[in-house]
Amino acid sequence: MIGGLMNIVNPDHPFLETFTPASPGDAQRSIGNDLDRDAFLTLLITQLQHQDPLSPMEDREFISQLAQFSALEQMQLLNQTNTRGQAFELVGRSVVAETANETTGIRDAIIGTVTGVYMEGNTPMLIVEGPHGTSHVTMDDLHFVGNDMTLELLAQISSTLLSQQNVDLIGRYAQFIEHDDDGNIVRFFEGRVDSLRFDPADGLVLNVGSEEITARYLKSISSTPQLYNRPLGGVDINGGSNITGVIKGFEVVEGYVQAIVQGLSGSARILITDVTHTTNAFRQLGRQWEGQQVTGIRMITGAPNLVLADGSVVPFPNAEVSEEE
């Protein structure tokens, strides 16, 4: 058993091993060891602090408890040694590891070969070399381990895994911020997710209309459009006049995003200096803010402000204060 996962030979591919969660009893025993050790120390200290001075704890009782603690400590050290040994046994083997984006919750995968192991505290970290470069994962992140598996087979396994876990993305709306290798924004757009696939080099790829874009550029997911055809006001970059309209698209000019807005007086371009901040502001449309409904967004010197039902305009704090349900 590796990292709380059981190793089962896949009958269809003798060289492929599928990792599945261990039984609840195994998990409970693993958790119990840590709790018993801490509980024992707490109990022993409490006994010493609150023992009856007229009838103190006998030496033999104290020594017996210390012996129990020592045995428990040795068992834990043995378990740690076994875990490290299991990690080193993975060196040279082909693996599929799952990762999760903390912001979007999207599940992605890492494929490649384990080339080394190092420790972070008591946790063995696996160094995985693959088409994506170098990654660092724990044994708990592993889903598949095999011998001399091709990238094509690893990609097939990953596609099945990711499709099952990300199936709820299909039909939802995704907001993307695409960067170049230097970190400069090259594209900012939104679209409906039609399908998913896994690419050995790029990981999870989302098909959005006629576009294909990797999940690493994904900023957020929503059940309804958050950007296009939404109300936006601000100063026209070209004419300098105030305009209010609905967003029809975005364009990146010299690293800055411009929202293309269609209003009653025609189209205009409104500067957006921080697309993440602005995307979070659009999530407040229709919600309550300071006791009033948010009816629109107005950009002032490139920063988003909320337009409330009474016509007042208040700055939107540069932090994500509300997540999409």
C-alpha atoms as a PDB file:
ATOM      1  CA  MET A   1       0.000   0.000   0.000  1.00  0.00           C
ATOM      2  CA  ILE A   2       1.429   3.403  -0.990  1.00  0.00           C
ATOM      3  CA  GLY A   3       0.336   6.698   0.557  1.00  0.00           C
ATOM      4  CA  GLY A   4      -3.004   5.262   1.711  1.00  0.00           C
ATOM      5  CA  LEU A   5      -3.642   3.761  -1.758  1.00  0.00           C
ATOM      6  CA  MET A   6      -3.846   0.070  -2.579  1.00  0.00           C
ATOM      7  CA  ASN A   7      -1.825  -1.356  -5.455  1.00  0.00           C
ATOM      8  CA  ILE A   8      -3.940  -3.588  -7.738  1.00  0.00           C
ATOM      9  CA  VAL A   9      -2.723  -5.123 -11.020  1.00  0.00           C
ATOM     10  CA  ASN A  10      -4.864  -4.101 -13.977  1.00  0.00           C
ATOM     11  CA  PRO A  11      -5.822  -7.347 -15.829  1.00  0.00           C
ATOM     12  CA  ASP A  12      -6.057  -5.537 -19.183  1.00  0.00           C
ATOM     13  CA  HIS A  13      -2.511  -4.191 -18.897  1.00  0.00           C
ATOM     14  CA  PRO A  14      -0.217  -6.411 -16.742  1.00  0.00           C
ATOM     15  CA  PHE A  15       2.380  -3.634 -16.660  1.00  0.00           C
ATOM     16  CA  LEU A  16      -0.176  -1.111 -15.399  1.00  0.00           C
ATOM     17  CA  GLU A  17      -1.084  -0.760 -11.755  1.00  0.00           C
ATOM     18  CA  THR A  18      -4.206   1.100 -10.694  1.00  0.00           C
ATOM     19  CA  PHE A  19      -4.253   2.866  -7.357  1.00  0.00           C
ATOM     20  CA  THR A  20      -7.527   2.807  -5.445  1.00  0.00           C
ATOM     21  CA  PRO A  21      -8.337   4.138  -1.967  1.00  0.00           C
ATOM     22  CA  ALA A  22      -7.546   1.758   0.866  1.00  0.00           C
ATOM     23  CA  SER A  23     -10.308   0.404   3.053  1.00  0.00           C
ATOM     24  CA  PRO A  24     -11.869   2.708   5.691  1.00  0.00           C
ATOM     25  CA  GLY A  25     -10.267   0.563   8.377  1.00  0.00           C
ATOM     26  CA  ASP A  26      -6.801   1.265   6.977  1.00  0.00           C
ATOM     27  CA  ALA A  27      -7.476   4.997   6.932  1.00  0.00           C
ATOM     28  CA  GLN A  28      -8.828   4.934  10.475  1.00  0.00           C
ATOM     29  CA  ARG A  29      -5.786   3.040  11.747  1.00  0.00           C
ATOM     30  CA  SER A  30      -3.436   5.516  10.068  1.00  0.00           C
ATOM     31  CA  ILE A  31      -5.235   8.489  11.574  1.00  0.00           C
ATOM     32  CA  GLY A  32      -5.548   6.790  14.948  1.00  0.00           C
ATOM     33  CA  ASN A  33      -1.789   6.342  15.343  1.00  0.00           C
ATOM     34  CA  ASP A  34      -1.151  10.081  15.204  1.00  0.00           C
ATOM     35  CA  LEU A  35      -4.040  10.865  17.528  1.00  0.00           C
ATOM     36  CA  ASP A  36      -3.071   8.171  20.065  1.00  0.00           C
ATOM     37  CA  ARG A  37       0.478   9.507  20.321  1.00  0.00           C
ATOM     38  CA  ASP A  38      -0.597  13.083  21.016  1.00  0.00           C
ATOM     39  CA  ALA A  39      -3.387  11.959  23.296  1.00  0.00           C
ATOM     40  CA  PHE A  40      -0.955   9.818  25.282  1.00  0.00           C
ATOM     41  CA  LEU A  41       1.428  12.730  25.874  1.00  0.00           C
ATOM     42  CA  THR A  42      -1.428  15.015  26.902  1.00  0.00           C
ATOM     43  CA  LEU A  43      -2.845  12.403  29.252  1.00  0.00           C
ATOM     44  CA  LEU A  44       0.539  11.690  30.851  1.00  0.00           C
ATOM     45  CA  ILE A  45       1.295  15.358  31.475  1.00  0.00           C
ATOM     46  CA  THR A  46      -2.192  15.898  32.883  1.00  0.00           C
ATOM     47  CA  GLN A  47      -1.747  12.929  35.237  1.00  0.00           C
ATOM     48  CA  LEU A  48       1.539  14.294  36.537  1.00  0.00           C
ATOM     49  CA  GLN A  49       0.132  17.799  37.014  1.00  0.00           C
ATOM     50  CA  HIS A  50      -3.013  16.716  38.807  1.00  0.00           C
ATOM     51  CA  GLN A  51      -1.926  13.624  40.717  1.00  0.00           C
ATOM     52  CA  ASP A  52      -2.874  13.398  44.391  1.00  0.00           C
ATOM     53  CA  PRO A  53       0.213  14.556  46.388  1.00  0.00           C
ATOM     54  CA  LEU A  54      -0.815  12.163  49.205  1.00  0.00           C
ATOM     55  CA  SER A  55      -0.982   9.254  46.726  1.00  0.00           C
ATOM     56  CA  PRO A  56       1.385  10.008  43.829  1.00  0.00           C
ATOM     57  CA  MET A  57       1.719   7.846  40.751  1.00  0.00           C
ATOM     58  CA  GLU A  58       3.837   4.777  41.443  1.00  0.00           C
ATOM     59  CA  ASP A  59       7.143   4.421  39.627  1.00  0.00           C
ATOM     60  CA  ARG A  60       6.151   1.126  38.026  1.00  0.00           C
ATOM     61  CA  GLU A  61       2.977   2.679  36.623  1.00  0.00           C
ATOM     62  CA  PHE A  62       4.909   5.636  35.278  1.00  0.00           C
ATOM     63  CA  ILE A  63       7.563   3.374  33.702  1.00  0.00           C
ATOM     64  CA  SER A  64       4.879   1.186  32.172  1.00  0.00           C
ATOM     65  CA  GLN A  65       3.272   4.172  30.477  1.00  0.00           C
ATOM     66  CA  LEU A  66       6.648   5.399  29.236  1.00  0.00           C
ATOM     67  CA  ALA A  67       7.267   1.967  27.753  1.00  0.00           C
ATOM     68  CA  GLN A  68       3.944   2.100  25.948  1.00  0.00           C
ATOM     69  CA  PHE A  69       4.800   5.517  24.588  1.00  0.00           C
ATOM     70  CA  SER A  70       8.246   4.299  23.440  1.00  0.00           C
ATOM     71  CA  ALA A  71       6.675   1.349  21.616  1.00  0.00           C
ATOM     72  CA  LEU A  72       4.186   3.635  19.900  1.00  0.00           C
ATOM     73  CA  GLU A  73       6.992   6.009  18.900  1.00  0.00           C
ATOM     74  CA  GLN A  74       8.989   3.125  17.378  1.00  0.00           C
ATOM     75  CA  MET A  75       5.950   1.977  15.399  1.00  0.00           C
ATOM     76  CA  GLN A  76       5.500   5.442  13.946  1.00  0.00           C
ATOM     77  CA  LEU A  77       9.169   5.682  13.020  1.00  0.00           C
ATOM     78  CA  LEU A  78       8.872   2.291  11.316  1.00  0.00           C
ATOM     79  CA  ASN A  79       5.829   3.473   9.354  1.00  0.00           C
ATOM     80  CA  GLN A  80       7.723   6.585   8.232  1.00  0.00           C
ATOM     81  CA  THR A  81      10.665   4.444   7.151  1.00  0.00           C
ATOM     82  CA  ASN A  82       8.362   2.144   5.179  1.00  0.00           C
ATOM     83  CA  THR A  83       6.724   5.144   3.483  1.00  0.00           C
ATOM     84  CA  ARG A  84      10.112   6.519   2.457  1.00  0.00           C
ATOM     85  CA  GLY A  85      11.155   3.120   1.153  1.00  0.00           C
ATOM     86  CA  GLN A  86       7.982   2.852  -0.916  1.00  0.00           C
ATOM     87  CA  ALA A  87       8.650   6.303  -2.380  1.00  0.00           C
ATOM     88  CA  PHE A  88      12.189   5.370  -3.442  1.00  0.00           C
ATOM     89  CA  GLU A  89      10.839   2.199  -5.072  1.00  0.00           C
ATOM     90  CA  LEU A  90       8.882   4.425  -7.486  1.00  0.00           C
ATOM     91  CA  VAL A  91      12.046   5.929  -8.995  1.00  0.00           C
ATOM     92  CA  GLY A  92      12.207   5.019 -12.688  1.00  0.00           C
ATOM     93  CA  ARG A  93       8.512   4.159 -12.946  1.00  0.00           C
ATOM     94  CA  SER A  94       5.829   5.814 -15.079  1.00  0.00           C
ATOM     95  CA  VAL A  95       3.117   7.658 -13.157  1.00  0.00           C
ATOM     96  CA  VAL A  96      -0.076   9.663 -13.527  1.00  0.00           C
ATOM     97  CA  ALA A  97      -0.615  12.169 -10.718  1.00  0.00           C
ATOM     98  CA  GLU A  98      -3.637  14.372 -10.200  1.00  0.00           C
ATOM     99  CA  THR A  99      -3.453  18.045  -9.267  1.00  0.00           C
ATOM    100  CA  ALA A 100      -6.147  20.551  -8.337  1.00  0.00           C
ATOM    101  CA  ASN A 101      -6.312  24.297  -8.963  1.00  0.00           C
ATOM    102  CA  GLU A 102      -7.133  25.937  -5.623  1.00  0.00           C
ATOM    103  CA  THR A 103      -8.887  28.879  -7.317  1.00  0.00           C
ATOM    104  CA  THR A 104     -11.055  27.140  -9.911  1.00  0.00           C
ATOM    105  CA  GLY A 105     -11.222  23.607  -8.492  1.00  0.00           C
ATOM    106  CA  ILE A 106     -10.297  22.210 -11.916  1.00  0.00           C
ATOM    107  CA  ARG A 107      -8.616  18.800 -11.804  1.00  0.00           C
ATOM    108  CA  ASP A 108      -5.571  18.398 -14.027  1.00  0.00           C
ATOM    109  CA  ALA A 109      -2.961  15.681 -14.397  1.00  0.00           C
ATOM    110  CA  ILE A 110       0.805  15.266 -14.520  1.00  0.00           C
ATOM    111  CA  ILE A 111       2.325  12.380 -16.474  1.00  0.00           C
ATOM    112  CA  GLY A 112       5.924  11.222 -16.705  1.00  0.00           C
ATOM    113  CA  THR A 113       8.668   9.262 -14.973  1.00  0.00           C
ATOM    114  CA  VAL A 114       9.741   9.520 -11.323  1.00  0.00           C
ATOM    115  CA  THR A 115      13.397  10.587 -11.342  1.00  0.00           C
ATOM    116  CA  GLY A 116      13.999  11.325  -7.676  1.00  0.00           C
ATOM    117  CA  VAL A 117      12.642  11.648  -4.137  1.00  0.00           C
ATOM    118  CA  TYR A 118      13.204  14.204  -1.397  1.00  0.00           C
ATOM    119  CA  MET A 119      11.595  14.872   1.967  1.00  0.00           C
ATOM    120  CA  GLU A 120       9.433  17.793   3.081  1.00  0.00           C
ATOM    121  CA  GLY A 121       9.270  17.170   6.794  1.00  0.00           C
ATOM    122  CA  ASN A 122       8.015  13.579   7.042  1.00  0.00           C
ATOM    123  CA  THR A 123       6.373  13.657   3.597  1.00  0.00           C
ATOM    124  CA  PRO A 124       8.208  12.086   0.636  1.00  0.00           C
ATOM    125  CA  MET A 125       8.024  14.271  -2.479  1.00  0.00           C
ATOM    126  CA  LEU A 126       8.361  12.656  -5.918  1.00  0.00           C
ATOM    127  CA  ILE A 127      10.170  14.446  -8.741  1.00  0.00           C
ATOM    128  CA  VAL A 128       8.348  13.691 -11.990  1.00  0.00           C
ATOM    129  CA  GLU A 129       9.893  14.445 -15.389  1.00  0.00           C
ATOM    130  CA  GLY A 130       7.526  14.562 -18.340  1.00  0.00           C
ATOM    131  CA  PRO A 131       6.472  16.552 -21.405  1.00  0.00           C
ATOM    132  CA  HIS A 132       5.208  19.253 -19.046  1.00  0.00           C
ATOM    133  CA  GLY A 133       8.679  19.686 -17.487  1.00  0.00           C
ATOM    134  CA  THR A 134       9.558  18.949 -13.862  1.00  0.00           C
ATOM    135  CA  SER A 135       6.811  18.565 -11.256  1.00  0.00           C
ATOM    136  CA  HIS A 136       6.778  17.717  -7.552  1.00  0.00           C
ATOM    137  CA  VAL A 137       3.959  15.540  -6.194  1.00  0.00           C
ATOM    138  CA  THR A 138       3.177  13.448  -3.126  1.00  0.00           C
ATOM    139  CA  MET A 139       2.324   9.753  -3.186  1.00  0.00           C
ATOM    140  CA  ASP A 140      -1.244  10.691  -2.272  1.00  0.00           C
ATOM    141  CA  ASP A 141      -1.456  12.528  -5.626  1.00  0.00           C
ATOM    142  CA  LEU A 142      -0.756   9.334  -7.577  1.00  0.00           C
ATOM    143  CA  HIS A 143      -3.497   7.568  -9.501  1.00  0.00           C
ATOM    144  CA  PHE A 144      -1.558   5.188 -11.717  1.00  0.00           C
ATOM    145  CA  VAL A 145       1.891   3.609 -11.641  1.00  0.00           C
ATOM    146  CA  GLY A 146       3.348   1.364 -14.334  1.00  0.00           C
ATOM    147  CA  ASN A 147       6.543   0.162 -15.939  1.00  0.00           C
ATOM    148  CA  ASP A 148       7.834   1.717 -19.175  1.00  0.00           C
ATOM    149  CA  MET A 149       4.469   3.150 -20.135  1.00  0.00           C
ATOM    150  CA  THR A 150       4.317   5.289 -23.286  1.00  0.00           C
ATOM    151  CA  LEU A 151       3.183   8.899 -23.114  1.00  0.00           C
ATOM    152  CA  GLU A 152       0.269   7.976 -25.386  1.00  0.00           C
ATOM    153  CA  LEU A 153      -1.040   5.411 -22.897  1.00  0.00           C
ATOM    154  CA  LEU A 154      -0.493   7.768 -19.968  1.00  0.00           C
ATOM    155  CA  ALA A 155      -2.419  10.425 -21.886  1.00  0.00           C
ATOM    156  CA  GLN A 156      -5.323   8.016 -22.490  1.00  0.00           C
ATOM    157  CA  ILE A 157      -5.476   7.202 -18.794  1.00  0.00           C
ATOM    158  CA  SER A 158      -5.364  10.888 -17.891  1.00  0.00           C
ATOM    159  CA  SER A 159      -8.107  11.751 -20.401  1.00  0.00           C
ATOM    160  CA  THR A 160     -10.452   9.206 -18.850  1.00  0.00           C
ATOM    161  CA  LEU A 161      -9.609  10.339 -15.343  1.00  0.00           C
ATOM    162  CA  LEU A 162      -9.991  14.065 -16.042  1.00  0.00           C
ATOM    163  CA  SER A 163     -13.135  13.677 -18.136  1.00  0.00           C
ATOM    164  CA  GLN A 164     -14.860  11.890 -15.263  1.00  0.00           C
ATOM    165  CA  GLN A 165     -13.777  14.443 -12.663  1.00  0.00           C
ATOM    166  CA  ASN A 166     -14.367  17.581 -14.761  1.00  0.00           C
ATOM    167  CA  VAL A 167     -17.532  16.519 -16.569  1.00  0.00           C
ATOM    168  CA  ASP A 168     -19.508  19.228 -14.745  1.00  0.00           C
ATOM    169  CA  LEU A 169     -17.481  21.866 -16.645  1.00  0.00           C
ATOM    170  CA  ILE A 170     -19.234  21.065 -19.908  1.00  0.00           C
ATOM    171  CA  GLY A 171     -21.970  23.588 -20.586  1.00  0.00           C
ATOM    172  CA  ARG A 172     -20.584  26.148 -18.132  1.00  0.00           C
ATOM    173  CA  TYR A 173     -18.839  29.425 -18.948  1.00  0.00           C
ATOM    174  CA  ALA A 174     -15.096  29.845 -18.534  1.00  0.00           C
ATOM    175  CA  GLN A 175     -13.105  33.051 -18.200  1.00  0.00           C
ATOM    176  CA  PHE A 176      -9.515  32.882 -19.491  1.00  0.00           C
ATOM    177  CA  ILE A 177      -6.452  35.081 -19.074  1.00  0.00           C
ATOM    178  CA  GLU A 178      -3.773  33.857 -21.479  1.00  0.00           C
ATOM    179  CA  HIS A 179      -0.124  34.831 -20.914  1.00  0.00           C
ATOM    180  CA  ASP A 180       3.017  34.469 -22.989  1.00  0.00           C
ATOM    181  CA  ASP A 181       6.250  32.955 -21.663  1.00  0.00           C
ATOM    182  CA  ASP A 182       7.222  36.313 -20.141  1.00  0.00           C
ATOM    183  CA  GLY A 183       3.962  36.612 -18.207  1.00  0.00           C
ATOM    184  CA  ASN A 184       2.439  39.296 -20.434  1.00  0.00           C
ATOM    185  CA  ILE A 185      -1.302  39.112 -21.137  1.00  0.00           C
ATOM    186  CA  VAL A 186      -1.971  38.208 -24.769  1.00  0.00           C
ATOM    187  CA  ARG A 187      -5.666  37.359 -24.600  1.00  0.00           C
ATOM    188  CA  PHE A 188      -8.655  37.763 -22.295  1.00  0.00           C
ATOM    189  CA  PHE A 189     -11.964  36.183 -23.213  1.00  0.00           C
ATOM    190  CA  GLU A 190     -14.951  34.141 -22.093  1.00  0.00           C
ATOM    191  CA  GLY A 191     -16.730  31.182 -23.652  1.00  0.00           C
ATOM    192  CA  ARG A 192     -18.920  28.159 -23.122  1.00  0.00           C
ATOM    193  CA  VAL A 193     -17.107  24.849 -22.547  1.00  0.00           C
ATOM    194  CA  ASP A 194     -18.204  22.283 -25.146  1.00  0.00           C
ATOM    195  CA  SER A 195     -15.815  19.394 -24.471  1.00  0.00           C
ATOM    196  CA  LEU A 196     -12.565  18.356 -22.793  1.00  0.00           C
ATOM    197  CA  ARG A 197      -9.443  16.459 -23.750  1.00  0.00           C
ATOM    198  CA  PHE A 198      -5.989  15.774 -22.337  1.00  0.00           C
ATOM    199  CA  ASP A 199      -2.789  16.764 -24.101  1.00  0.00           C
ATOM    200  CA  PRO A 200       0.492  15.192 -22.917  1.00  0.00           C
ATOM    201  CA  ALA A 201       2.333  18.526 -23.138  1.00  0.00           C
ATOM    202  CA  ASP A 202      -0.406  20.979 -22.119  1.00  0.00           C
ATOM    203  CA  GLY A 203      -2.525  18.918 -19.711  1.00  0.00           C
ATOM    204  CA  LEU A 204      -6.292  19.488 -19.622  1.00  0.00           C
ATOM    205  CA  VAL A 205      -7.536  21.328 -22.726  1.00  0.00           C
ATOM    206  CA  LEU A 206     -10.975  22.952 -22.890  1.00  0.00           C
ATOM    207  CA  ASN A 207     -12.811  23.267 -26.205  1.00  0.00           C
ATOM    208  CA  VAL A 208     -14.639  26.596 -26.213  1.00  0.00           C
ATOM    209  CA  GLY A 209     -16.491  27.086 -29.481  1.00  0.00           C
ATOM    210  CA  SER A 210     -13.802  26.991 -32.172  1.00  0.00           C
ATOM    211  CA  GLU A 211     -11.093  27.690 -29.577  1.00  0.00           C
ATOM    212  CA  GLU A 212      -8.895  25.249 -27.676  1.00  0.00           C
ATOM    213  CA  ILE A 213      -7.181  26.566 -24.565  1.00  0.00           C
ATOM    214  CA  THR A 214      -5.335  24.863 -21.726  1.00  0.00           C
ATOM    215  CA  ALA A 215      -6.710  24.848 -18.201  1.00  0.00           C
ATOM    216  CA  ARG A 216      -3.666  26.716 -16.864  1.00  0.00           C
ATOM    217  CA  TYR A 217      -5.086  29.907 -18.416  1.00  0.00           C
ATOM    218  CA  LEU A 218      -8.475  29.375 -16.787  1.00  0.00           C
ATOM    219  CA  LYS A 219      -9.299  32.050 -14.233  1.00  0.00           C
ATOM    220  CA  SER A 220     -12.838  31.194 -13.187  1.00  0.00           C
ATOM    221  CA  ILE A 221     -15.934  29.157 -14.026  1.00  0.00           C
ATOM    222  CA  SER A 222     -19.540  30.311 -13.854  1.00  0.00           C
ATOM    223  CA  SER A 223     -22.979  28.931 -14.643  1.00  0.00           C
ATOM    224  CA  THR A 224     -23.900  32.037 -16.691  1.00  0.00           C
ATOM    225  CA  PRO A 225     -21.854  34.521 -18.781  1.00  0.00           C
ATOM    226  CA  GLN A 226     -19.956  36.943 -16.562  1.00  0.00           C
ATOM    227  CA  LEU A 227     -18.435  39.298 -19.141  1.00  0.00           C
ATOM    228  CA  TYR A 228     -20.014  39.445 -22.607  1.00  0.00           C
ATOM    229  CA  ASN A 229     -23.209  41.492 -23.006  1.00  0.00           C
ATOM    230  CA  ARG A 230     -22.810  42.834 -19.470  1.00  0.00           C
ATOM    231  CA  PRO A 231     -23.169  46.555 -18.661  1.00  0.00           C
ATOM    232  CA  LEU A 232     -19.952  48.572 -18.467  1.00  0.00           C
ATOM    233  CA  GLY A 233     -19.237  52.262 -18.311  1.00  0.00           C
ATOM    234  CA  GLY A 234     -16.098  54.350 -18.452  1.00  0.00           C
ATOM    235  CA  VAL A 235     -14.012  56.741 -20.478  1.00  0.00           C
ATOM    236  CA  ASP A 236     -13.479  56.012 -24.171  1.00  0.00           C
ATOM    237  CA  ILE A 237      -9.730  55.599 -24.725  1.00  0.00           C
ATOM    238  CA  ASN A 238      -9.957  57.120 -28.189  1.00  0.00           C
ATOM    239  CA  GLY A 239     -12.447  59.951 -27.726  1.00  0.00           C
ATOM    240  CA  GLY A 240     -12.073  60.772 -24.040  1.00  0.00           C
ATOM    241  CA  SER A 241     -15.848  60.872 -23.515  1.00  0.00           C
ATOM    242  CA  ASN A 242     -17.872  58.898 -20.982  1.00  0.00           C
ATOM    243  CA  ILE A 243     -19.830  56.003 -22.413  1.00  0.00           C
ATOM    244  CA  THR A 244     -22.077  53.262 -21.043  1.00  0.00           C
ATOM    245  CA  GLY A 245     -22.958  50.141 -22.975  1.00  0.00           C
ATOM    246  CA  VAL A 246     -22.568  46.370 -23.082  1.00  0.00           C
ATOM    247  CA  ILE A 247     -19.356  44.411 -23.601  1.00  0.00           C
ATOM    248  CA  LYS A 248     -18.938  42.844 -27.050  1.00  0.00           C
ATOM    249  CA  GLY A 249     -15.362  41.665 -26.727  1.00  0.00           C
ATOM    250  CA  PHE A 250     -11.841  42.358 -25.510  1.00  0.00           C
ATOM    251  CA  GLU A 251      -8.549  43.216 -27.152  1.00  0.00           C
ATOM    252  CA  VAL A 252      -5.044  43.332 -25.723  1.00  0.00           C
ATOM    253  CA  VAL A 253      -3.010  46.346 -26.833  1.00  0.00           C
ATOM    254  CA  GLU A 254       0.602  46.663 -25.636  1.00  0.00           C
ATOM    255  CA  GLY A 255      -0.099  44.385 -22.683  1.00  0.00           C
ATOM    256  CA  TYR A 256      -3.250  46.214 -21.556  1.00  0.00           C
ATOM    257  CA  VAL A 257      -6.796  44.917 -21.950  1.00  0.00           C
ATOM    258  CA  GLN A 258      -9.397  47.076 -23.649  1.00  0.00           C
ATOM    259  CA  ALA A 259     -13.091  46.258 -23.371  1.00  0.00           C
ATOM    260  CA  ILE A 260     -15.002  46.871 -26.608  1.00  0.00           C
ATOM    261  CA  VAL A 261     -18.309  48.396 -25.505  1.00  0.00           C
ATOM    262  CA  GLN A 262     -21.374  49.040 -27.672  1.00  0.00           C
ATOM    263  CA  GLY A 263     -23.468  51.972 -26.477  1.00  0.00           C
ATOM    264  CA  LEU A 264     -26.280  54.110 -27.850  1.00  0.00           C
ATOM    265  CA  SER A 265     -23.777  56.540 -29.337  1.00  0.00           C
ATOM    266  CA  GLY A 266     -21.653  53.828 -30.948  1.00  0.00           C
ATOM    267  CA  SER A 267     -18.751  51.671 -29.894  1.00  0.00           C
ATOM    268  CA  ALA A 268     -15.903  52.603 -27.592  1.00  0.00           C
ATOM    269  CA  ARG A 269     -12.870  51.109 -25.881  1.00  0.00           C
ATOM    270  CA  ILE A 270     -12.520  51.205 -22.104  1.00  0.00           C
ATOM    271  CA  LEU A 271      -9.227  50.448 -20.359  1.00  0.00           C
ATOM    272  CA  ILE A 272      -8.969  47.564 -17.864  1.00  0.00           C
ATOM    273  CA  THR A 273      -5.725  47.612 -15.885  1.00  0.00           C
ATOM    274  CA  ASP A 274      -6.365  44.482 -13.783  1.00  0.00           C
ATOM    275  CA  VAL A 275      -8.460  41.803 -15.485  1.00  0.00           C
ATOM    276  CA  THR A 276      -8.653  39.564 -12.402  1.00  0.00           C
ATOM    277  CA  HIS A 277      -9.925  42.431 -10.273  1.00  0.00           C
ATOM    278  CA  THR A 278     -12.452  43.390 -12.957  1.00  0.00           C
ATOM    279  CA  THR A 279     -13.678  39.819 -13.455  1.00  0.00           C
ATOM    280  CA  ASN A 280     -14.340  39.574  -9.716  1.00  0.00           C
ATOM    281  CA  ALA A 281     -16.272  42.843  -9.867  1.00  0.00           C
ATOM    282  CA  PHE A 282     -18.531  41.501 -12.636  1.00  0.00           C
ATOM    283  CA  ARG A 283     -19.422  38.595 -10.351  1.00  0.00           C
ATOM    284  CA  GLN A 284     -21.235  41.092  -8.120  1.00  0.00           C
ATOM    285  CA  LEU A 285     -23.765  42.110 -10.795  1.00  0.00           C
ATOM    286  CA  GLY A 286     -27.281  41.426  -9.544  1.00  0.00           C
ATOM    287  CA  ARG A 287     -26.082  40.849  -5.987  1.00  0.00           C
ATOM    288  CA  GLN A 288     -26.441  42.990  -2.905  1.00  0.00           C
ATOM    289  CA  TRP A 289     -23.718  45.463  -1.963  1.00  0.00           C
ATOM    290  CA  GLU A 290     -24.077  47.772   1.033  1.00  0.00           C
ATOM    291  CA  GLY A 291     -27.787  46.957   1.105  1.00  0.00           C
ATOM    292  CA  GLN A 292     -28.414  47.711  -2.570  1.00  0.00           C
ATOM    293  CA  GLN A 293     -28.399  45.724  -5.780  1.00  0.00           C
ATOM    294  CA  VAL A 294     -25.395  46.055  -8.076  1.00  0.00           C
ATOM    295  CA  THR A 295     -26.697  47.153 -11.483  1.00  0.00           C
ATOM    296  CA  GLY A 296     -23.500  47.876 -13.396  1.00  0.00           C
ATOM    297  CA  ILE A 297     -19.729  48.294 -13.460  1.00  0.00           C
ATOM    298  CA  ARG A 298     -17.925  51.567 -14.202  1.00  0.00           C
ATOM    299  CA  MET A 299     -14.213  51.728 -14.893  1.00  0.00           C
ATOM    300  CA  ILE A 300     -12.446  54.742 -13.363  1.00  0.00           C
ATOM    301  CA  THR A 301      -8.769  55.074 -14.386  1.00  0.00           C
ATOM    302  CA  GLY A 302      -8.876  51.415 -15.344  1.00  0.00           C
ATOM    303  CA  ALA A 303     -10.191  50.140 -11.985  1.00  0.00           C
ATOM    304  CA  PRO A 304     -13.707  48.706 -11.467  1.00  0.00           C
ATOM    305  CA  ASN A 305     -16.361  50.495  -9.438  1.00  0.00           C
ATOM    306  CA  LEU A 306     -19.821  49.167  -8.614  1.00  0.00           C
ATOM    307  CA  VAL A 307     -22.908  51.051  -9.783  1.00  0.00           C
ATOM    308  CA  LEU A 308     -25.685  50.598  -7.218  1.00  0.00           C
ATOM    309  CA  ALA A 309     -29.465  50.746  -7.685  1.00  0.00           C
ATOM    310  CA  ASP A 310     -29.685  54.333  -6.411  1.00  0.00           C
ATOM    311  CA  GLY A 311     -27.147  55.486  -8.996  1.00  0.00           C
ATOM    312  CA  SER A 312     -24.232  55.800  -6.582  1.00  0.00           C
ATOM    313  CA  VAL A 313     -20.800  54.514  -7.573  1.00  0.00           C
ATOM    314  CA  VAL A 314     -18.522  52.854  -5.019  1.00  0.00           C
ATOM    315  CA  PRO A 315     -14.991  51.431  -5.485  1.00  0.00           C
ATOM    316  CA  PHE A 316     -14.737  47.658  -5.584  1.00  0.00           C
ATOM    317  CA  PRO A 317     -12.006  46.375  -3.218  1.00  0.00           C
ATOM    318  CA  ASN A 318      -9.096  44.629  -4.929  1.00  0.00           C
ATOM    319  CA  ALA A 319      -9.929  41.238  -3.440  1.00  0.00           C
ATOM    320  CA  GLU A 320     -12.350  38.471  -4.342  1.00  0.00           C
ATOM    321  CA  VAL A 321     -15.139  38.946  -1.842  1.00  0.00           C
ATOM    322  CA  SER A 322     -17.708  36.581  -3.300  1.00  0.00           C
ATOM    323  CA  GLU A 323     -17.364  33.301  -5.208  1.00  0.00           C
ATOM    324  CA  GLU A 324     -19.615  32.068  -7.978  1.00  0.00           C
ATOM    325  CA  GLU A 325     -22.079  29.566  -6.582  1.00  0.00           C
END
